[in-house]
C-alpha atoms as a PDB file:
ATOM      1  CA  MET A   1      16.176   2.573  27.308  1.00  0.00           C
ATOM      2  CA  PRO A   2      13.743   4.845  27.730  1.00  0.00           C
ATOM      3  CA  ALA A   3      10.003   4.495  25.428  1.00  0.00           C
ATOM      4  CA  LEU A   4       8.696   7.092  23.083  1.00  0.00           C
ATOM      5  CA  TYR A   5       5.632   7.731  21.174  1.00  0.00           C
ATOM      6  CA  ILE A   6       6.496   9.478  18.253  1.00  0.00           C
ATOM      7  CA  GLY A   7       4.265  11.522  15.419  1.00  0.00           C
ATOM      8  CA  HIS A   8       5.191   9.326  12.654  1.00  0.00           C
ATOM      9  CA  GLY A   9       3.821  11.622   8.951  1.00  0.00           C
ATOM     10  CA  ALA A  10       3.333  10.586   6.029  1.00  0.00           C
ATOM     11  CA  PRO A  11       6.339   9.593   3.547  1.00  0.00           C
ATOM     12  CA  MET A  12       6.669  12.959   2.710  1.00  0.00           C
ATOM     13  CA  LEU A  13       8.104  13.242   6.283  1.00  0.00           C
ATOM     14  CA  LEU A  14      11.489  12.233   4.422  1.00  0.00           C
ATOM     15  CA  ASP A  15      11.697  15.008   2.496  1.00  0.00           C
ATOM     16  CA  ASP A  16      11.105  17.270   5.514  1.00  0.00           C
ATOM     17  CA  PRO A  17      14.289  18.647   6.802  1.00  0.00           C
ATOM     18  CA  HIS A  18      12.900  20.470   9.724  1.00  0.00           C
ATOM     19  CA  TRP A  19      11.113  17.146  11.253  1.00  0.00           C
ATOM     20  CA  SER A  20      13.410  14.695   9.558  1.00  0.00           C
ATOM     21  CA  GLY A  21      16.566  16.926  11.991  1.00  0.00           C
ATOM     22  CA  GLN A  22      14.055  16.619  15.248  1.00  0.00           C
ATOM     23  CA  LEU A  23      13.605  12.542  14.779  1.00  0.00           C
ATOM     24  CA  ARG A  24      17.561  12.496  13.987  1.00  0.00           C
ATOM     25  CA  GLU A  25      18.184  14.433  16.892  1.00  0.00           C
ATOM     26  CA  VAL A  26      16.150  12.180  19.161  1.00  0.00           C
ATOM     27  CA  SER A  27      17.692   8.972  18.316  1.00  0.00           C
ATOM     28  CA  LYS A  28      21.246  10.662  18.871  1.00  0.00           C
ATOM     29  CA  SER A  29      20.036  11.336  22.864  1.00  0.00           C
ATOM     30  CA  ILE A  30      19.160   8.257  23.815  1.00  0.00           C
ATOM     31  CA  PRO A  31      21.378   5.689  23.707  1.00  0.00           C
ATOM     32  CA  LYS A  32      21.650   2.758  20.915  1.00  0.00           C
ATOM     33  CA  PRO A  33      19.035   0.691  21.281  1.00  0.00           C
ATOM     34  CA  LYS A  34      19.531  -3.523  21.322  1.00  0.00           C
ATOM     35  CA  GLY A  35      16.538  -4.258  19.264  1.00  0.00           C
ATOM     36  CA  ILE A  36      13.332  -2.481  18.301  1.00  0.00           C
ATOM     37  CA  LEU A  37       9.744  -2.803  19.062  1.00  0.00           C
ATOM     38  CA  ILE A  38       6.936  -0.891  17.642  1.00  0.00           C
ATOM     39  CA  VAL A  39       3.115  -0.371  17.883  1.00  0.00           C
ATOM     40  CA  SER A  40       1.956   1.332  15.007  1.00  0.00           C
ATOM     41  CA  ALA A  41      -1.295   3.402  14.265  1.00  0.00           C
ATOM     42  CA  HIS A  42      -1.302   1.108  10.367  1.00  0.00           C
ATOM     43  CA  TRP A  43      -1.666  -2.133  11.798  1.00  0.00           C
ATOM     44  CA  GLU A  44      -5.065  -3.552  14.005  1.00  0.00           C
ATOM     45  CA  ALA A  45      -5.044  -6.871  14.973  1.00  0.00           C
ATOM     46  CA  GLN A  46      -6.069  -8.970  17.745  1.00  0.00           C
ATOM     47  CA  PRO A  47      -4.663 -11.313  19.432  1.00  0.00           C
ATOM     48  CA  VAL A  48      -1.485  -9.597  19.797  1.00  0.00           C
ATOM     49  CA  THR A  49       0.586 -10.194  16.830  1.00  0.00           C
ATOM     50  CA  LEU A  50       4.143 -10.024  15.738  1.00  0.00           C
ATOM     51  CA  SER A  51       5.676  -8.799  12.259  1.00  0.00           C
ATOM     52  CA  ASN A  52       7.759 -10.608  10.076  1.00  0.00           C
ATOM     53  CA  PRO A  53      10.931 -11.085  12.275  1.00  0.00           C
ATOM     54  CA  ALA A  54      12.861 -11.971   9.307  1.00  0.00           C
ATOM     55  CA  ALA A  55      16.168 -10.241   8.044  1.00  0.00           C
ATOM     56  CA  ASN A  56      15.665  -7.940   5.010  1.00  0.00           C
ATOM     57  CA  SER A  57      11.814  -8.384   5.831  1.00  0.00           C
ATOM     58  CA  PRO A  58      10.100  -6.297   3.444  1.00  0.00           C
ATOM     59  CA  LEU A  59       8.452  -3.577   3.825  1.00  0.00           C
ATOM     60  CA  VAL A  60       4.585  -2.757   3.613  1.00  0.00           C
ATOM     61  CA  TYR A  61       3.259   0.667   1.168  1.00  0.00           C
ATOM     62  CA  ASP A  62       0.367   1.481   2.759  1.00  0.00           C
ATOM     63  CA  PHE A  63       0.083   4.372   1.158  1.00  0.00           C
ATOM     64  CA  SER A  64      -1.063   5.739  -2.173  1.00  0.00           C
ATOM     65  CA  GLY A  65      -0.813   8.566  -4.557  1.00  0.00           C
ATOM     66  CA  PHE A  66       2.965   9.611  -3.411  1.00  0.00           C
ATOM     67  CA  ASP A  67       6.255  10.312  -5.408  1.00  0.00           C
ATOM     68  CA  GLN A  68       6.974   6.890  -6.982  1.00  0.00           C
ATOM     69  CA  LYS A  69      10.171   6.963  -5.481  1.00  0.00           C
ATOM     70  CA  PHE A  70       8.413   5.943  -1.982  1.00  0.00           C
ATOM     71  CA  TYR A  71       7.524   2.864  -3.509  1.00  0.00           C
ATOM     72  CA  GLN A  72      11.285   1.978  -4.070  1.00  0.00           C
ATOM     73  CA  MET A  73      12.225   2.648  -0.765  1.00  0.00           C
ATOM     74  CA  THR A  74      13.914  -0.179   1.413  1.00  0.00           C
ATOM     75  CA  TYR A  75      14.876  -0.822   4.908  1.00  0.00           C
ATOM     76  CA  ASN A  76      16.699  -4.450   5.450  1.00  0.00           C
ATOM     77  CA  SER A  77      17.117  -4.841   9.200  1.00  0.00           C
ATOM     78  CA  PRO A  78      18.475  -7.394  11.191  1.00  0.00           C
ATOM     79  CA  ASP A  79      16.940 -10.575  12.033  1.00  0.00           C
ATOM     80  CA  ALA A  80      14.094  -9.988  15.071  1.00  0.00           C
ATOM     81  CA  SER A  81      14.306 -13.557  15.746  1.00  0.00           C
ATOM     82  CA  LEU A  82      14.881 -13.593  19.076  1.00  0.00           C
ATOM     83  CA  LEU A  83      12.850 -10.954  20.226  1.00  0.00           C
ATOM     84  CA  ALA A  84       9.945 -11.992  18.913  1.00  0.00           C
ATOM     85  CA  ALA A  85      10.622 -15.361  20.841  1.00  0.00           C
ATOM     86  CA  ARG A  86      11.045 -12.855  23.828  1.00  0.00           C
ATOM     87  CA  VAL A  87       7.911 -11.030  23.355  1.00  0.00           C
ATOM     88  CA  ALA A  88       5.793 -14.188  23.240  1.00  0.00           C
ATOM     89  CA  ALA A  89       7.177 -15.322  25.508  1.00  0.00           C
ATOM     90  CA  MET A  90       6.420 -11.997  27.814  1.00  0.00           C
ATOM     91  CA  MET A  91       2.298 -12.888  27.278  1.00  0.00           C
ATOM     92  CA  PRO A  92      -0.010 -14.659  29.688  1.00  0.00           C
ATOM     93  CA  ASN A  93      -1.415 -17.926  28.272  1.00  0.00           C
ATOM     94  CA  SER A  94      -4.560 -16.180  28.171  1.00  0.00           C
ATOM     95  CA  GLU A  95      -3.397 -13.931  25.277  1.00  0.00           C
ATOM     96  CA  PRO A  96      -1.670 -16.458  22.907  1.00  0.00           C
ATOM     97  CA  VAL A  97       0.572 -14.501  20.495  1.00  0.00           C
ATOM     98  CA  ARG A  98       0.333 -14.653  16.502  1.00  0.00           C
ATOM     99  CA  GLN A  99       3.108 -14.816  14.081  1.00  0.00           C
ATOM    100  CA  SER A 100       2.863 -13.119  10.339  1.00  0.00           C
ATOM    101  CA  ALA A 101       4.498 -12.556   7.055  1.00  0.00           C
ATOM    102  CA  ARG A 102       3.929  -9.446   7.189  1.00  0.00           C
ATOM    103  CA  GLY A 103       6.628  -6.984   7.416  1.00  0.00           C
ATOM    104  CA  LEU A 104       7.088  -3.195   8.622  1.00  0.00           C
ATOM    105  CA  ASP A 105       4.099  -0.932   7.597  1.00  0.00           C
ATOM    106  CA  HIS A 106       5.281   3.113   6.790  1.00  0.00           C
ATOM    107  CA  GLY A 107       4.333   3.902  10.491  1.00  0.00           C
ATOM    108  CA  ALA A 108       7.125   1.971  11.442  1.00  0.00           C
ATOM    109  CA  TRP A 109       9.932   2.384   8.497  1.00  0.00           C
ATOM    110  CA  VAL A 110       9.385   6.018   7.453  1.00  0.00           C
ATOM    111  CA  PRO A 111      10.496   7.378  10.944  1.00  0.00           C
ATOM    112  CA  LEU A 112      13.172   4.751  11.210  1.00  0.00           C
ATOM    113  CA  ARG A 113      14.927   5.064   8.199  1.00  0.00           C
ATOM    114  CA  VAL A 114      15.698   8.849   9.594  1.00  0.00           C
ATOM    115  CA  MET A 115      16.012   7.397  13.331  1.00  0.00           C
ATOM    116  CA  TYR A 116      18.385   4.745  12.501  1.00  0.00           C
ATOM    117  CA  PRO A 117      18.700   5.044   8.512  1.00  0.00           C
ATOM    118  CA  ASP A 118      22.030   2.147   9.052  1.00  0.00           C
ATOM    119  CA  ALA A 119      19.413  -0.455   9.943  1.00  0.00           C
ATOM    120  CA  ASP A 120      21.878  -2.132  12.037  1.00  0.00           C
ATOM    121  CA  ILE A 121      18.943  -2.667  14.799  1.00  0.00           C
ATOM    122  CA  PRO A 122      16.656  -5.792  14.814  1.00  0.00           C
ATOM    123  CA  VAL A 123      12.902  -4.333  14.282  1.00  0.00           C
ATOM    124  CA  LEU A 124       9.719  -5.916  15.729  1.00  0.00           C
ATOM    125  CA  GLN A 125       6.569  -4.620  14.621  1.00  0.00           C
ATOM    126  CA  MET A 126       3.588  -5.406  17.509  1.00  0.00           C
ATOM    127  CA  SER A 127       0.053  -4.937  16.311  1.00  0.00           C
ATOM    128  CA  MET A 128      -2.190  -3.083  18.296  1.00  0.00           C
ATOM    129  CA  PRO A 129      -5.222  -5.568  19.156  1.00  0.00           C
ATOM    130  CA  THR A 130      -7.505  -2.958  20.808  1.00  0.00           C
ATOM    131  CA  HIS A 131      -7.906   0.861  21.276  1.00  0.00           C
ATOM    132  CA  ASP A 132      -8.760   0.300  25.191  1.00  0.00           C
ATOM    133  CA  PRO A 133      -6.606   2.358  26.950  1.00  0.00           C
ATOM    134  CA  GLY A 134      -6.662   0.095  30.473  1.00  0.00           C
ATOM    135  CA  ARG A 135      -5.966  -2.705  28.342  1.00  0.00           C
ATOM    136  CA  LEU A 136      -3.007  -1.333  25.826  1.00  0.00           C
ATOM    137  CA  ILE A 137      -1.140   0.314  29.275  1.00  0.00           C
ATOM    138  CA  GLU A 138      -1.603  -2.859  30.842  1.00  0.00           C
ATOM    139  CA  LEU A 139       0.001  -4.122  27.591  1.00  0.00           C
ATOM    140  CA  GLY A 140       2.765  -1.869  28.038  1.00  0.00           C
ATOM    141  CA  ARG A 141       3.726  -2.992  31.673  1.00  0.00           C
ATOM    142  CA  ARG A 142       4.216  -6.123  30.538  1.00  0.00           C
ATOM    143  CA  LEU A 143       6.280  -4.875  27.504  1.00  0.00           C
ATOM    144  CA  GLN A 144       8.387  -2.963  30.039  1.00  0.00           C
ATOM    145  CA  PRO A 145      11.109  -5.001  31.112  1.00  0.00           C
ATOM    146  CA  LEU A 146      12.386  -4.966  27.793  1.00  0.00           C
ATOM    147  CA  ARG A 147      13.464  -1.284  28.363  1.00  0.00           C
ATOM    148  CA  GLU A 148      16.010  -3.564  30.978  1.00  0.00           C
ATOM    149  CA  GLU A 149      17.256  -5.140  28.133  1.00  0.00           C
ATOM    150  CA  GLY A 150      18.053  -2.615  26.096  1.00  0.00           C
ATOM    151  CA  ILE A 151      15.040  -2.696  24.014  1.00  0.00           C
ATOM    152  CA  LEU A 152      13.348   0.499  22.540  1.00  0.00           C
ATOM    153  CA  ILE A 153       9.669   0.042  22.704  1.00  0.00           C
ATOM    154  CA  ILE A 154       7.906   3.254  20.244  1.00  0.00           C
ATOM    155  CA  GLY A 155       4.415   4.083  20.137  1.00  0.00           C
ATOM    156  CA  SER A 156       3.754   5.536  16.747  1.00  0.00           C
ATOM    157  CA  GLY A 157       0.990   7.760  15.777  1.00  0.00           C
ATOM    158  CA  PHE A 158       0.246  11.597  14.840  1.00  0.00           C
ATOM    159  CA  LEU A 159      -1.351  13.270  18.323  1.00  0.00           C
ATOM    160  CA  THR A 160      -4.193  15.036  15.977  1.00  0.00           C
ATOM    161  CA  HIS A 161      -5.354  13.022  12.821  1.00  0.00           C
ATOM    162  CA  GLY A 162      -8.253  14.438  11.430  1.00  0.00           C
ATOM    163  CA  LEU A 163      -7.692  14.443   7.885  1.00  0.00           C
ATOM    164  CA  ARG A 164     -10.622  14.381   6.516  1.00  0.00           C
ATOM    165  CA  TYR A 165     -10.971  18.279   8.269  1.00  0.00           C
ATOM    166  CA  LEU A 166      -8.041  20.036   6.560  1.00  0.00           C
ATOM    167  CA  ARG A 167      -8.479  22.678   4.339  1.00  0.00           C
ATOM    168  CA  ASP A 168      -4.566  23.976   4.011  1.00  0.00           C
ATOM    169  CA  TRP A 169      -3.339  20.205   3.246  1.00  0.00           C
ATOM    170  CA  SER A 170       0.945  22.325   2.309  1.00  0.00           C
ATOM    171  CA  ILE A 171       3.249  21.597   5.246  1.00  0.00           C
ATOM    172  CA  ASP A 172       3.414  24.363   7.276  1.00  0.00           C
ATOM    173  CA  ALA A 173      -0.377  25.269   7.702  1.00  0.00           C
ATOM    174  CA  THR A 174      -1.672  27.345  10.608  1.00  0.00           C
ATOM    175  CA  ALA A 175      -2.956  24.060  12.757  1.00  0.00           C
ATOM    176  CA  PRO A 176      -7.042  24.404  12.996  1.00  0.00           C
ATOM    177  CA  THR A 177      -8.182  25.506  16.077  1.00  0.00           C
ATOM    178  CA  TRP A 178      -9.522  21.314  16.941  1.00  0.00           C
ATOM    179  CA  SER A 179      -6.075  20.509  16.068  1.00  0.00           C
ATOM    180  CA  SER A 180      -4.613  22.697  18.510  1.00  0.00           C
ATOM    181  CA  GLU A 181      -6.528  22.990  21.306  1.00  0.00           C
ATOM    182  CA  PHE A 182      -6.349  19.085  21.505  1.00  0.00           C
ATOM    183  CA  ASP A 183      -2.654  18.874  21.577  1.00  0.00           C
ATOM    184  CA  LEU A 184      -2.247  22.018  24.351  1.00  0.00           C
ATOM    185  CA  TRP A 185      -4.736  19.771  26.118  1.00  0.00           C
ATOM    186  CA  ALA A 186      -2.980  16.635  25.709  1.00  0.00           C
ATOM    187  CA  ALA A 187       0.641  18.393  26.545  1.00  0.00           C
ATOM    188  CA  GLU A 188      -1.123  20.025  29.719  1.00  0.00           C
ATOM    189  CA  ALA A 189      -2.666  16.506  30.858  1.00  0.00           C
ATOM    190  CA  LEU A 190       1.134  14.771  30.094  1.00  0.00           C
ATOM    191  CA  ALA A 191       2.965  17.671  32.121  1.00  0.00           C
ATOM    192  CA  ARG A 192       0.646  16.641  34.658  1.00  0.00           C
ATOM    193  CA  GLY A 193       0.729  12.863  34.107  1.00  0.00           C
ATOM    194  CA  ASP A 194      -2.649  12.488  34.350  1.00  0.00           C
ATOM    195  CA  VAL A 195      -2.971   9.204  32.912  1.00  0.00           C
ATOM    196  CA  ASP A 196      -6.942   9.044  33.503  1.00  0.00           C
ATOM    197  CA  ALA A 197      -7.530  12.073  31.617  1.00  0.00           C
ATOM    198  CA  LEU A 198      -5.848  10.870  28.768  1.00  0.00           C
ATOM    199  CA  ALA A 199      -7.782   7.248  28.851  1.00  0.00           C
ATOM    200  CA  ASN A 200     -11.072   9.350  28.744  1.00  0.00           C
ATOM    201  CA  PHE A 201     -10.101  12.199  26.014  1.00  0.00           C
ATOM    202  CA  LYS A 202     -13.036  10.930  23.884  1.00  0.00           C
ATOM    203  CA  GLU A 203     -15.107  13.054  26.417  1.00  0.00           C
ATOM    204  CA  LEU A 204     -12.195  15.517  27.656  1.00  0.00           C
ATOM    205  CA  ALA A 205     -10.702  16.962  25.420  1.00  0.00           C
ATOM    206  CA  PRO A 206     -11.072  20.074  23.344  1.00  0.00           C
ATOM    207  CA  GLY A 207     -11.611  19.254  19.997  1.00  0.00           C
ATOM    208  CA  MET A 208     -12.809  16.034  19.800  1.00  0.00           C
ATOM    209  CA  PRO A 209     -13.712  14.191  17.455  1.00  0.00           C
ATOM    210  CA  TYR A 210     -12.210  16.386  14.789  1.00  0.00           C
ATOM    211  CA  ALA A 211      -8.693  15.582  16.393  1.00  0.00           C
ATOM    212  CA  HIS A 212      -9.619  11.769  15.649  1.00  0.00           C
ATOM    213  CA  PRO A 213     -12.408  11.257  13.911  1.00  0.00           C
ATOM    214  CA  THR A 214     -10.667   7.346  14.466  1.00  0.00           C
ATOM    215  CA  VAL A 215      -8.491   6.779  17.533  1.00  0.00           C
ATOM    216  CA  GLU A 216      -5.443   5.142  16.146  1.00  0.00           C
ATOM    217  CA  HIS A 217      -3.128   7.128  15.878  1.00  0.00           C
ATOM    218  CA  PHE A 218      -3.192   8.607  19.199  1.00  0.00           C
ATOM    219  CA  THR A 219      -3.914   5.302  21.167  1.00  0.00           C
ATOM    220  CA  PRO A 220      -0.348   4.125  20.908  1.00  0.00           C
ATOM    221  CA  LEU A 221       0.501   6.739  23.050  1.00  0.00           C
ATOM    222  CA  PHE A 222      -0.871   4.677  25.693  1.00  0.00           C
ATOM    223  CA  ILE A 223       1.166   1.194  25.198  1.00  0.00           C
ATOM    224  CA  THR A 224       4.410   3.756  25.807  1.00  0.00           C
ATOM    225  CA  LEU A 225       2.511   5.034  29.013  1.00  0.00           C
ATOM    226  CA  GLY A 226       2.502   1.604  30.224  1.00  0.00           C
ATOM    227  CA  ALA A 227       5.832   1.437  29.360  1.00  0.00           C
ATOM    228  CA  ALA A 228       7.185   4.076  32.093  1.00  0.00           C
ATOM    229  CA  LYS A 229       8.891   3.044  34.875  1.00  0.00           C
ATOM    230  CA  ILE A 230       6.229   5.441  36.831  1.00  0.00           C
ATOM    231  CA  THR A 231       3.129   5.356  34.714  1.00  0.00           C
ATOM    232  CA  ASP A 232       1.879   8.842  35.648  1.00  0.00           C
ATOM    233  CA  ALA A 233       5.212  10.418  35.555  1.00  0.00           C
ATOM    234  CA  ALA A 234       5.549  13.670  33.638  1.00  0.00           C
ATOM    235  CA  PRO A 235       7.108  12.367  29.985  1.00  0.00           C
ATOM    236  CA  GLU A 236       9.457  14.902  28.519  1.00  0.00           C
ATOM    237  CA  THR A 237       8.108  16.444  25.106  1.00  0.00           C
ATOM    238  CA  LEU A 238      10.789  15.819  22.470  1.00  0.00           C
ATOM    239  CA  ILE A 239       9.121  17.475  19.548  1.00  0.00           C
ATOM    240  CA  ASP A 240       6.174  19.568  19.402  1.00  0.00           C
ATOM    241  CA  GLY A 241       4.511  22.155  16.429  1.00  0.00           C
ATOM    242  CA  PHE A 242       2.780  21.140  13.955  1.00  0.00           C
ATOM    243  CA  PHE A 243       3.254  19.338  10.433  1.00  0.00           C
ATOM    244  CA  MET A 244      -0.090  19.607   8.007  1.00  0.00           C
ATOM    245  CA  GLY A 245      -1.762  21.695  10.812  1.00  0.00           C
ATOM    246  CA  LEU A 246      -1.252  18.178  12.842  1.00  0.00           C
ATOM    247  CA  ALA A 247       0.531  18.229  16.309  1.00  0.00           C
ATOM    248  CA  LYS A 248       3.509  16.437  15.782  1.00  0.00           C
ATOM    249  CA  ARG A 249       3.825  15.736  19.336  1.00  0.00           C
ATOM    250  CA  SER A 250       6.614  13.119  20.174  1.00  0.00           C
ATOM    251  CA  ILE A 251       7.539  12.391  24.036  1.00  0.00           C
ATOM    252  CA  LEU A 252       9.868   9.999  26.041  1.00  0.00           C
ATOM    253  CA  VAL A 253       8.875   8.219  29.402  1.00  0.00           C
ATOM    254  CA  ALA A 254      11.474   7.239  31.837  1.00  0.00           C
END
């Protein structure tokens, strides 16, 4: 099973037939997972904390100002208790894992409604305990054996996320220079397998800090890179382009 880093978008992604179609094609291009472990930009908590693994776990509607229909959506995935126990067992004694009653946030359930609309796969969300790339890569390495067990590991973020600097909020807005330049730089670093450069994005990437005034939408990438069988191998770009001027680049690592 591969590992993915995807741009999860806002709830209105669900109304964008082009991007929804791209995500749907991603899910069709890989084997159907036995389970999904997803790390979203929208849950930062330490130590590592796991979402409610019960079947039909309630969703977190962690957004405001959208159409009422988005607050009525459900994603009734099966029980993920076995996956939760497996993930907890993979962590060293020095890094205990907490269990939470929290459900899936929109960084998880929005893209999964598109990719796996039948909601017939156990889904577990894991918090992001740090933004340190080295530590996140190491966490991804610990999780890597899950791939051999048919578990799809997903880092869910957005390759650029300077929302506060957007001036045109239309879906097909021209990407600001800080967004397009950061996206190109990241694409070239990924193509080289240059994890060191990516880890030093604050200092090296053009478009900073506008592309990421806060970094939580970029750093899930390092969970995905850590879960790669060869960390510095070039991943495959699955989706590129922009949504409201933000880079929606999504990748697959083997």
